[in-house]
Amino acid sequence: MNKTWNVCAIQMNIRIGEPERNVEEVIKQIEAAVAAHKPDVIVLPEMWNTGYALDRVHELADEGGKQTLKLLSELASLHHVHIVGGSVAVKEEGQIRNRSYVVNKKGELVHSYDKAHLFKLMDEHVYLHSGNELGIFELDGVKCGIIICYDLRFPEYIRNLALQHIEVLFVPAQWPNPRLHHWKTLLTARAIENQMYVVACNRMGTSIGSDGKPTSFFGHSTIIDPWGELIAEGDDQERLVQGEVEISLVQQVRSRIPVFEDRRESLYRLQ
């Protein structure tokens, strides 16, 4: 497919336990991204509505995702931009989900995805319920996938997405210090081994948890091409990380090194 996307990842601070202020910040940042870059696709970070206020997430989570969907739909249609809405805490039937919403330029919901792998080191498994479906959707006829943060550490999960012929993988995250090396290495590996674009949006700033301890986030939102080459990368400050994604490059790379054709699935099963 001969299509070029202008993609912008919004690398922002998230105020823990303050959904209203975070909504105001998202509106401001999307307006700034549209004015500065006129993007085709905007990507937000993980859990941007509440942050990791997990001890209060039942009272803070968006009931049924209604407020988030209304906001993203209005912003997408107003600015005529696809929005990969990072993820938010959503309450549904008494359960809390770490959920991503994808909305197209018309303001229509294209896809929702619940984080599959919960990060026990941050007690996600205590407060949240995991999803059980792959995140696969299309925008402008381009097949895309989405994972959330810790999902990045599971290559077999992401390979399943690639086997569904996705060309762009979106990765909203709250990936903290000191694991910058892991973040950069894993994103690059996922792009190379699956011969696809990876667009990752990580938050920056510092949050104080319920235990009173600070957690800092290094940003470094990143866009990587199917060869594993860096297109754009942020630093540890508030940034709009922008780059162009040329969709036709995916098939060029896959035809040059036919990894998917050369797979031997019989060898990959546990004996």
C-alpha atoms as a PDB file:
ATOM      1  CA  MET A   1       0.000   0.000   0.000  1.00  0.00           C
ATOM      2  CA  ASN A   2       1.445   3.333  -1.088  1.00  0.00           C
ATOM      3  CA  LYS A   3       0.376   5.433   1.879  1.00  0.00           C
ATOM      4  CA  THR A   4       2.295   7.809   4.124  1.00  0.00           C
ATOM      5  CA  TRP A   5       1.082   8.710   7.585  1.00  0.00           C
ATOM      6  CA  ASN A   6       2.193  11.671   9.600  1.00  0.00           C
ATOM      7  CA  VAL A   7       2.160  10.264  13.144  1.00  0.00           C
ATOM      8  CA  CYS A   8       2.483  12.219  16.382  1.00  0.00           C
ATOM      9  CA  ALA A   9       2.986  10.681  19.843  1.00  0.00           C
ATOM     10  CA  ILE A  10       2.023  12.958  22.728  1.00  0.00           C
ATOM     11  CA  GLN A  11       4.661  12.543  25.428  1.00  0.00           C
ATOM     12  CA  MET A  12       3.058  14.205  28.447  1.00  0.00           C
ATOM     13  CA  ASN A  13       3.037  14.230  32.214  1.00  0.00           C
ATOM     14  CA  ILE A  14       0.118  12.516  33.950  1.00  0.00           C
ATOM     15  CA  ARG A  15      -1.215  13.709  37.293  1.00  0.00           C
ATOM     16  CA  ILE A  16      -1.950  10.694  39.431  1.00  0.00           C
ATOM     17  CA  GLY A  17      -5.536  10.558  40.669  1.00  0.00           C
ATOM     18  CA  GLU A  18      -6.642  13.754  38.848  1.00  0.00           C
ATOM     19  CA  PRO A  19      -8.744  12.752  35.822  1.00  0.00           C
ATOM     20  CA  GLU A  20     -10.188  16.236  35.201  1.00  0.00           C
ATOM     21  CA  ARG A  21      -6.768  17.879  34.992  1.00  0.00           C
ATOM     22  CA  ASN A  22      -5.501  15.064  32.780  1.00  0.00           C
ATOM     23  CA  VAL A  23      -8.439  15.528  30.410  1.00  0.00           C
ATOM     24  CA  GLU A  24      -7.626  19.240  30.177  1.00  0.00           C
ATOM     25  CA  GLU A  25      -4.013  18.375  29.380  1.00  0.00           C
ATOM     26  CA  VAL A  26      -4.986  15.881  26.673  1.00  0.00           C
ATOM     27  CA  ILE A  27      -7.216  18.476  24.993  1.00  0.00           C
ATOM     28  CA  LYS A  28      -4.389  21.037  25.101  1.00  0.00           C
ATOM     29  CA  GLN A  29      -1.791  18.605  23.783  1.00  0.00           C
ATOM     30  CA  ILE A  30      -3.962  17.352  20.913  1.00  0.00           C
ATOM     31  CA  GLU A  31      -4.688  20.925  19.873  1.00  0.00           C
ATOM     32  CA  ALA A  32      -0.950  21.657  19.962  1.00  0.00           C
ATOM     33  CA  ALA A  33      -0.142  18.544  17.914  1.00  0.00           C
ATOM     34  CA  VAL A  34      -2.698  19.441  15.253  1.00  0.00           C
ATOM     35  CA  ALA A  35      -1.437  23.029  15.032  1.00  0.00           C
ATOM     36  CA  ALA A  36       2.236  22.048  14.884  1.00  0.00           C
ATOM     37  CA  HIS A  37       2.205  18.915  12.724  1.00  0.00           C
ATOM     38  CA  LYS A  38      -1.234  18.361  11.134  1.00  0.00           C
ATOM     39  CA  PRO A  39      -0.925  14.634  11.860  1.00  0.00           C
ATOM     40  CA  ASP A  40      -2.944  11.798  10.366  1.00  0.00           C
ATOM     41  CA  VAL A  41      -2.635   9.791  13.588  1.00  0.00           C
ATOM     42  CA  ILE A  42      -2.192  10.956  17.198  1.00  0.00           C
ATOM     43  CA  VAL A  43      -1.113   8.528  19.929  1.00  0.00           C
ATOM     44  CA  LEU A  44      -1.580   9.016  23.690  1.00  0.00           C
ATOM     45  CA  PRO A  45       0.211   7.281  26.622  1.00  0.00           C
ATOM     46  CA  GLU A  46      -1.077   4.586  28.979  1.00  0.00           C
ATOM     47  CA  MET A  47      -3.542   5.244  31.844  1.00  0.00           C
ATOM     48  CA  TRP A  48      -3.660   8.948  31.118  1.00  0.00           C
ATOM     49  CA  ASN A  49      -6.958   9.578  32.901  1.00  0.00           C
ATOM     50  CA  THR A  50      -6.055   8.399  36.413  1.00  0.00           C
ATOM     51  CA  GLY A  51      -2.388   7.485  36.357  1.00  0.00           C
ATOM     52  CA  TYR A  52      -1.472   4.576  38.603  1.00  0.00           C
ATOM     53  CA  ALA A  53      -3.749   5.592  41.478  1.00  0.00           C
ATOM     54  CA  LEU A  54      -4.701   1.948  41.785  1.00  0.00           C
ATOM     55  CA  ASP A  55      -5.787   2.204  45.417  1.00  0.00           C
ATOM     56  CA  ARG A  56      -8.488   4.670  44.289  1.00  0.00           C
ATOM     57  CA  VAL A  57      -9.118   3.351  40.798  1.00  0.00           C
ATOM     58  CA  HIS A  58     -12.643   2.076  41.574  1.00  0.00           C
ATOM     59  CA  GLU A  59     -13.802   5.598  42.349  1.00  0.00           C
ATOM     60  CA  LEU A  60     -11.740   7.309  39.629  1.00  0.00           C
ATOM     61  CA  ALA A  61     -12.210   4.988  36.641  1.00  0.00           C
ATOM     62  CA  ASP A  62     -14.391   6.059  33.723  1.00  0.00           C
ATOM     63  CA  GLU A  63     -17.732   4.230  34.040  1.00  0.00           C
ATOM     64  CA  GLY A  64     -18.186   2.252  30.841  1.00  0.00           C
ATOM     65  CA  GLY A  65     -15.570   4.436  29.158  1.00  0.00           C
ATOM     66  CA  LYS A  66     -18.329   6.910  28.293  1.00  0.00           C
ATOM     67  CA  GLN A  67     -16.465  10.123  29.111  1.00  0.00           C
ATOM     68  CA  THR A  68     -13.315   8.989  27.320  1.00  0.00           C
ATOM     69  CA  LEU A  69     -15.173   7.898  24.190  1.00  0.00           C
ATOM     70  CA  LYS A  70     -17.125  11.150  24.038  1.00  0.00           C
ATOM     71  CA  LEU A  71     -13.942  13.200  24.420  1.00  0.00           C
ATOM     72  CA  LEU A  72     -11.893  11.253  21.857  1.00  0.00           C
ATOM     73  CA  SER A  73     -14.764  11.173  19.376  1.00  0.00           C
ATOM     74  CA  GLU A  74     -15.262  14.928  19.594  1.00  0.00           C
ATOM     75  CA  LEU A  75     -11.544  15.680  19.274  1.00  0.00           C
ATOM     76  CA  ALA A  76     -11.043  13.264  16.369  1.00  0.00           C
ATOM     77  CA  SER A  77     -13.955  14.610  14.326  1.00  0.00           C
ATOM     78  CA  LEU A  78     -13.163  18.238  15.177  1.00  0.00           C
ATOM     79  CA  HIS A  79      -9.540  17.956  14.070  1.00  0.00           C
ATOM     80  CA  HIS A  80     -10.096  15.251  11.416  1.00  0.00           C
ATOM     81  CA  VAL A  81      -7.423  13.005  12.893  1.00  0.00           C
ATOM     82  CA  HIS A  82      -7.253   9.348  13.906  1.00  0.00           C
ATOM     83  CA  ILE A  83      -6.618   8.990  17.644  1.00  0.00           C
ATOM     84  CA  VAL A  84      -5.025   5.921  19.186  1.00  0.00           C
ATOM     85  CA  GLY A  85      -6.224   6.859  22.640  1.00  0.00           C
ATOM     86  CA  GLY A  86      -3.409   5.439  24.747  1.00  0.00           C
ATOM     87  CA  SER A  87      -5.283   3.734  27.548  1.00  0.00           C
ATOM     88  CA  VAL A  88      -7.524   4.689  30.438  1.00  0.00           C
ATOM     89  CA  ALA A  89      -8.915   3.042  33.549  1.00  0.00           C
ATOM     90  CA  VAL A  90     -12.450   1.905  32.703  1.00  0.00           C
ATOM     91  CA  LYS A  91     -15.045   0.441  35.082  1.00  0.00           C
ATOM     92  CA  GLU A  92     -17.283  -2.181  33.493  1.00  0.00           C
ATOM     93  CA  GLU A  93     -19.620  -4.487  35.389  1.00  0.00           C
ATOM     94  CA  GLY A  94     -17.696  -3.779  38.575  1.00  0.00           C
ATOM     95  CA  GLN A  95     -14.333  -4.674  37.020  1.00  0.00           C
ATOM     96  CA  ILE A  96     -11.539  -2.262  36.188  1.00  0.00           C
ATOM     97  CA  ARG A  97      -9.824  -2.573  32.821  1.00  0.00           C
ATOM     98  CA  ASN A  98      -6.726  -0.878  31.424  1.00  0.00           C
ATOM     99  CA  ARG A  99      -8.347  -0.130  28.077  1.00  0.00           C
ATOM    100  CA  SER A 100      -7.345   1.522  24.846  1.00  0.00           C
ATOM    101  CA  TYR A 101      -9.853   3.133  22.486  1.00  0.00           C
ATOM    102  CA  VAL A 102      -9.075   3.817  18.820  1.00  0.00           C
ATOM    103  CA  VAL A 103     -11.230   6.455  17.119  1.00  0.00           C
ATOM    104  CA  ASN A 104     -11.100   7.385  13.433  1.00  0.00           C
ATOM    105  CA  LYS A 105     -11.210  10.804  11.772  1.00  0.00           C
ATOM    106  CA  LYS A 106     -15.004  10.721  11.709  1.00  0.00           C
ATOM    107  CA  GLY A 107     -15.128  10.266  15.464  1.00  0.00           C
ATOM    108  CA  GLU A 108     -16.205   6.627  15.157  1.00  0.00           C
ATOM    109  CA  LEU A 109     -14.963   3.959  17.563  1.00  0.00           C
ATOM    110  CA  VAL A 110     -12.814   1.572  15.541  1.00  0.00           C
ATOM    111  CA  HIS A 111     -11.486  -0.699  18.263  1.00  0.00           C
ATOM    112  CA  SER A 112     -11.071  -1.200  21.991  1.00  0.00           C
ATOM    113  CA  TYR A 113      -8.342  -3.299  23.575  1.00  0.00           C
ATOM    114  CA  ASP A 114      -7.810  -4.381  27.191  1.00  0.00           C
ATOM    115  CA  LYS A 115      -4.235  -4.885  28.397  1.00  0.00           C
ATOM    116  CA  ALA A 116      -3.516  -8.601  28.350  1.00  0.00           C
ATOM    117  CA  HIS A 117      -0.459  -8.903  30.598  1.00  0.00           C
ATOM    118  CA  LEU A 118      -0.793  -7.275  34.012  1.00  0.00           C
ATOM    119  CA  PHE A 119       2.358  -6.011  35.718  1.00  0.00           C
ATOM    120  CA  LYS A 120       2.529  -7.619  39.156  1.00  0.00           C
ATOM    121  CA  LEU A 121       5.389  -5.370  40.308  1.00  0.00           C
ATOM    122  CA  MET A 122       2.897  -2.474  40.252  1.00  0.00           C
ATOM    123  CA  ASP A 123       0.027  -4.617  41.672  1.00  0.00           C
ATOM    124  CA  GLU A 124      -1.983  -4.396  38.465  1.00  0.00           C
ATOM    125  CA  HIS A 125      -3.196  -7.951  39.005  1.00  0.00           C
ATOM    126  CA  VAL A 126      -4.710  -6.924  42.364  1.00  0.00           C
ATOM    127  CA  TYR A 127      -6.809  -4.064  40.991  1.00  0.00           C
ATOM    128  CA  LEU A 128      -7.295  -4.732  37.274  1.00  0.00           C
ATOM    129  CA  HIS A 129      -8.757  -7.451  35.066  1.00  0.00           C
ATOM    130  CA  SER A 130      -6.801  -8.548  32.007  1.00  0.00           C
ATOM    131  CA  GLY A 131      -8.067  -8.737  28.442  1.00  0.00           C
ATOM    132  CA  ASN A 132      -8.153 -11.933  26.404  1.00  0.00           C
ATOM    133  CA  GLU A 133      -8.244 -10.665  22.820  1.00  0.00           C
ATOM    134  CA  LEU A 134      -5.615  -9.511  20.333  1.00  0.00           C
ATOM    135  CA  GLY A 135      -5.705  -5.805  19.491  1.00  0.00           C
ATOM    136  CA  ILE A 136      -6.167  -5.679  15.693  1.00  0.00           C
ATOM    137  CA  PHE A 137      -7.892  -2.953  13.685  1.00  0.00           C
ATOM    138  CA  GLU A 138      -7.710  -0.932  10.453  1.00  0.00           C
ATOM    139  CA  LEU A 139      -7.270   2.777   9.806  1.00  0.00           C
ATOM    140  CA  ASP A 140      -7.422   4.034   6.205  1.00  0.00           C
ATOM    141  CA  GLY A 141      -7.168   0.430   5.057  1.00  0.00           C
ATOM    142  CA  VAL A 142      -3.912  -0.086   6.993  1.00  0.00           C
ATOM    143  CA  LYS A 143      -3.900  -3.107   9.292  1.00  0.00           C
ATOM    144  CA  CYS A 144      -2.688  -2.096  12.755  1.00  0.00           C
ATOM    145  CA  GLY A 145      -2.117  -3.675  16.130  1.00  0.00           C
ATOM    146  CA  ILE A 146      -1.987  -2.353  19.650  1.00  0.00           C
ATOM    147  CA  ILE A 147      -0.431  -3.570  22.879  1.00  0.00           C
ATOM    148  CA  ILE A 148      -0.072  -1.772  26.207  1.00  0.00           C
ATOM    149  CA  CYS A 149       3.237  -1.339  28.050  1.00  0.00           C
ATOM    150  CA  TYR A 150       4.138  -4.668  29.746  1.00  0.00           C
ATOM    151  CA  ASP A 151       2.691  -6.570  26.757  1.00  0.00           C
ATOM    152  CA  LEU A 152       5.899  -5.528  24.979  1.00  0.00           C
ATOM    153  CA  ARG A 153       7.867  -8.159  26.918  1.00  0.00           C
ATOM    154  CA  PHE A 154       5.943 -11.045  25.322  1.00  0.00           C
ATOM    155  CA  PRO A 155       7.319 -11.627  21.809  1.00  0.00           C
ATOM    156  CA  GLU A 156       5.101 -14.627  21.102  1.00  0.00           C
ATOM    157  CA  TYR A 157       2.030 -12.487  21.750  1.00  0.00           C
ATOM    158  CA  ILE A 158       3.227  -9.801  19.357  1.00  0.00           C
ATOM    159  CA  ARG A 159       4.223 -12.392  16.751  1.00  0.00           C
ATOM    160  CA  ASN A 160       0.581 -13.500  16.755  1.00  0.00           C
ATOM    161  CA  LEU A 161      -0.340  -9.935  15.790  1.00  0.00           C
ATOM    162  CA  ALA A 162       2.254  -9.953  13.011  1.00  0.00           C
ATOM    163  CA  LEU A 163       0.881 -13.249  11.686  1.00  0.00           C
ATOM    164  CA  GLN A 164      -2.417 -11.394  11.196  1.00  0.00           C
ATOM    165  CA  HIS A 165      -0.505  -9.145   8.749  1.00  0.00           C
ATOM    166  CA  ILE A 166      -0.414  -5.965  10.810  1.00  0.00           C
ATOM    167  CA  GLU A 167       1.908  -3.275   9.461  1.00  0.00           C
ATOM    168  CA  VAL A 168       1.975  -0.782  12.324  1.00  0.00           C
ATOM    169  CA  LEU A 169       2.125  -1.620  16.032  1.00  0.00           C
ATOM    170  CA  PHE A 170       1.100   1.038  18.565  1.00  0.00           C
ATOM    171  CA  VAL A 171       2.505   0.857  22.107  1.00  0.00           C
ATOM    172  CA  PRO A 172       1.080   3.264  24.728  1.00  0.00           C
ATOM    173  CA  ALA A 173       3.019   2.959  27.977  1.00  0.00           C
ATOM    174  CA  GLN A 174       4.002   4.150  31.421  1.00  0.00           C
ATOM    175  CA  TRP A 175       7.479   2.605  31.330  1.00  0.00           C
ATOM    176  CA  PRO A 176       9.522   3.857  34.296  1.00  0.00           C
ATOM    177  CA  ASN A 177      13.122   4.453  35.196  1.00  0.00           C
ATOM    178  CA  PRO A 178      15.587   2.800  35.316  1.00  0.00           C
ATOM    179  CA  ARG A 179      14.637   0.477  32.440  1.00  0.00           C
ATOM    180  CA  LEU A 180      15.294   2.767  29.470  1.00  0.00           C
ATOM    181  CA  HIS A 181      17.668   0.228  27.899  1.00  0.00           C
ATOM    182  CA  HIS A 182      14.968  -2.453  28.028  1.00  0.00           C
ATOM    183  CA  TRP A 183      12.420  -0.082  26.480  1.00  0.00           C
ATOM    184  CA  LYS A 184      14.605   0.894  23.535  1.00  0.00           C
ATOM    185  CA  THR A 185      15.914  -2.622  22.924  1.00  0.00           C
ATOM    186  CA  LEU A 186      12.529  -4.350  23.063  1.00  0.00           C
ATOM    187  CA  LEU A 187      10.842  -1.800  20.789  1.00  0.00           C
ATOM    188  CA  THR A 188      13.614  -2.172  18.224  1.00  0.00           C
ATOM    189  CA  ALA A 189      13.555  -5.966  18.452  1.00  0.00           C
ATOM    190  CA  ARG A 190       9.780  -6.105  17.943  1.00  0.00           C
ATOM    191  CA  ALA A 191      10.104  -3.910  14.831  1.00  0.00           C
ATOM    192  CA  ILE A 192      12.970  -5.947  13.330  1.00  0.00           C
ATOM    193  CA  GLU A 193      11.703  -9.452  14.065  1.00  0.00           C
ATOM    194  CA  ASN A 194       8.179  -8.670  12.838  1.00  0.00           C
ATOM    195  CA  GLN A 195       9.231  -6.325  10.007  1.00  0.00           C
ATOM    196  CA  MET A 196       6.726  -3.633  10.926  1.00  0.00           C
ATOM    197  CA  TYR A 197       6.558  -0.060  12.160  1.00  0.00           C
ATOM    198  CA  VAL A 198       6.463   0.432  15.919  1.00  0.00           C
ATOM    199  CA  VAL A 199       4.995   3.659  17.306  1.00  0.00           C
ATOM    200  CA  ALA A 200       5.460   3.886  21.066  1.00  0.00           C
ATOM    201  CA  CYS A 201       4.135   6.661  23.318  1.00  0.00           C
ATOM    202  CA  ASN A 202       5.547   6.750  26.852  1.00  0.00           C
ATOM    203  CA  ARG A 203       4.742   9.288  29.554  1.00  0.00           C
ATOM    204  CA  MET A 204       7.281  11.488  31.291  1.00  0.00           C
ATOM    205  CA  GLY A 205       7.350  13.091  34.746  1.00  0.00           C
ATOM    206  CA  THR A 206       7.094  11.731  38.294  1.00  0.00           C
ATOM    207  CA  SER A 207       4.205  10.200  40.231  1.00  0.00           C
ATOM    208  CA  ILE A 208       3.914   9.671  43.989  1.00  0.00           C
ATOM    209  CA  GLY A 209       2.279   6.348  44.776  1.00  0.00           C
ATOM    210  CA  SER A 210      -0.035   5.487  47.670  1.00  0.00           C
ATOM    211  CA  ASP A 211       3.049   4.305  49.568  1.00  0.00           C
ATOM    212  CA  GLY A 212       4.529   7.813  49.308  1.00  0.00           C
ATOM    213  CA  LYS A 213       7.342   6.664  47.033  1.00  0.00           C
ATOM    214  CA  PRO A 214       8.061   8.498  43.758  1.00  0.00           C
ATOM    215  CA  THR A 215       8.227   6.753  40.398  1.00  0.00           C
ATOM    216  CA  SER A 216       9.851   8.621  37.522  1.00  0.00           C
ATOM    217  CA  PHE A 217       9.192   8.056  33.827  1.00  0.00           C
ATOM    218  CA  PHE A 218      11.753   8.756  31.134  1.00  0.00           C
ATOM    219  CA  GLY A 219       9.616   9.458  28.082  1.00  0.00           C
ATOM    220  CA  HIS A 220      11.613   8.517  24.977  1.00  0.00           C
ATOM    221  CA  SER A 221       8.502   7.993  22.879  1.00  0.00           C
ATOM    222  CA  THR A 222       9.710   6.389  19.681  1.00  0.00           C
ATOM    223  CA  ILE A 223       8.875   5.679  16.049  1.00  0.00           C
ATOM    224  CA  ILE A 224      10.846   2.828  14.440  1.00  0.00           C
ATOM    225  CA  ASP A 225      10.682   1.512  10.868  1.00  0.00           C
ATOM    226  CA  PRO A 226      10.544  -2.170   9.751  1.00  0.00           C
ATOM    227  CA  TRP A 227      14.346  -2.296   9.380  1.00  0.00           C
ATOM    228  CA  GLY A 228      14.681  -1.261  13.028  1.00  0.00           C
ATOM    229  CA  GLU A 229      15.871   2.221  12.047  1.00  0.00           C
ATOM    230  CA  LEU A 230      14.929   5.116  14.300  1.00  0.00           C
ATOM    231  CA  ILE A 231      12.597   7.674  12.705  1.00  0.00           C
ATOM    232  CA  ALA A 232      11.944   9.821  15.773  1.00  0.00           C
ATOM    233  CA  GLU A 233      12.612   9.730  19.519  1.00  0.00           C
ATOM    234  CA  GLY A 234      11.787  12.044  22.390  1.00  0.00           C
ATOM    235  CA  ASP A 235      13.922  12.842  25.424  1.00  0.00           C
ATOM    236  CA  ASP A 236      12.678  12.908  29.037  1.00  0.00           C
ATOM    237  CA  GLN A 237      10.728  16.170  28.675  1.00  0.00           C
ATOM    238  CA  GLU A 238       7.215  16.979  27.491  1.00  0.00           C
ATOM    239  CA  ARG A 239       7.354  16.533  23.727  1.00  0.00           C
ATOM    240  CA  LEU A 240       5.358  15.975  20.555  1.00  0.00           C
ATOM    241  CA  VAL A 241       7.286  13.152  18.887  1.00  0.00           C
ATOM    242  CA  GLN A 242       6.497  13.258  15.163  1.00  0.00           C
ATOM    243  CA  GLY A 243       7.546  11.172  12.178  1.00  0.00           C
ATOM    244  CA  GLU A 244       6.411   9.824   8.826  1.00  0.00           C
ATOM    245  CA  VAL A 245       5.355   6.210   8.367  1.00  0.00           C
ATOM    246  CA  GLU A 246       5.592   4.916   4.772  1.00  0.00           C
ATOM    247  CA  ILE A 247       3.355   1.854   4.737  1.00  0.00           C
ATOM    248  CA  SER A 248       4.762   0.372   1.509  1.00  0.00           C
ATOM    249  CA  LEU A 249       8.125  -0.133   3.242  1.00  0.00           C
ATOM    250  CA  VAL A 250       6.643  -2.977   5.289  1.00  0.00           C
ATOM    251  CA  GLN A 251       6.054  -5.191   2.259  1.00  0.00           C
ATOM    252  CA  GLN A 252       9.394  -4.197   0.763  1.00  0.00           C
ATOM    253  CA  VAL A 253      11.202  -5.392   3.879  1.00  0.00           C
ATOM    254  CA  ARG A 254       9.139  -8.561   4.150  1.00  0.00           C
ATOM    255  CA  SER A 255       9.888  -9.448   0.515  1.00  0.00           C
ATOM    256  CA  ARG A 256      13.623  -8.753   0.926  1.00  0.00           C
ATOM    257  CA  ILE A 257      13.985 -11.026   3.975  1.00  0.00           C
ATOM    258  CA  PRO A 258      11.042 -13.486   3.877  1.00  0.00           C
ATOM    259  CA  VAL A 259      10.959 -14.342   7.566  1.00  0.00           C
ATOM    260  CA  PHE A 260       7.280 -15.252   7.585  1.00  0.00           C
ATOM    261  CA  GLU A 261       7.606 -17.571   4.598  1.00  0.00           C
ATOM    262  CA  ASP A 262      10.610 -19.307   6.187  1.00  0.00           C
ATOM    263  CA  ARG A 263       8.998 -20.035   9.555  1.00  0.00           C
ATOM    264  CA  ARG A 264       8.981 -23.699  10.693  1.00  0.00           C
ATOM    265  CA  GLU A 265       6.038 -23.808  13.056  1.00  0.00           C
ATOM    266  CA  SER A 266       6.490 -27.493  13.883  1.00  0.00           C
ATOM    267  CA  LEU A 267       9.738 -26.630  15.654  1.00  0.00           C
ATOM    268  CA  TYR A 268       8.159 -23.918  17.800  1.00  0.00           C
ATOM    269  CA  ARG A 269       5.689 -26.126  19.652  1.00  0.00           C
ATOM    270  CA  LEU A 270       6.509 -27.473  23.093  1.00  0.00           C
ATOM    271  CA  GLN A 271       7.294 -31.191  22.888  1.00  0.00           C
END
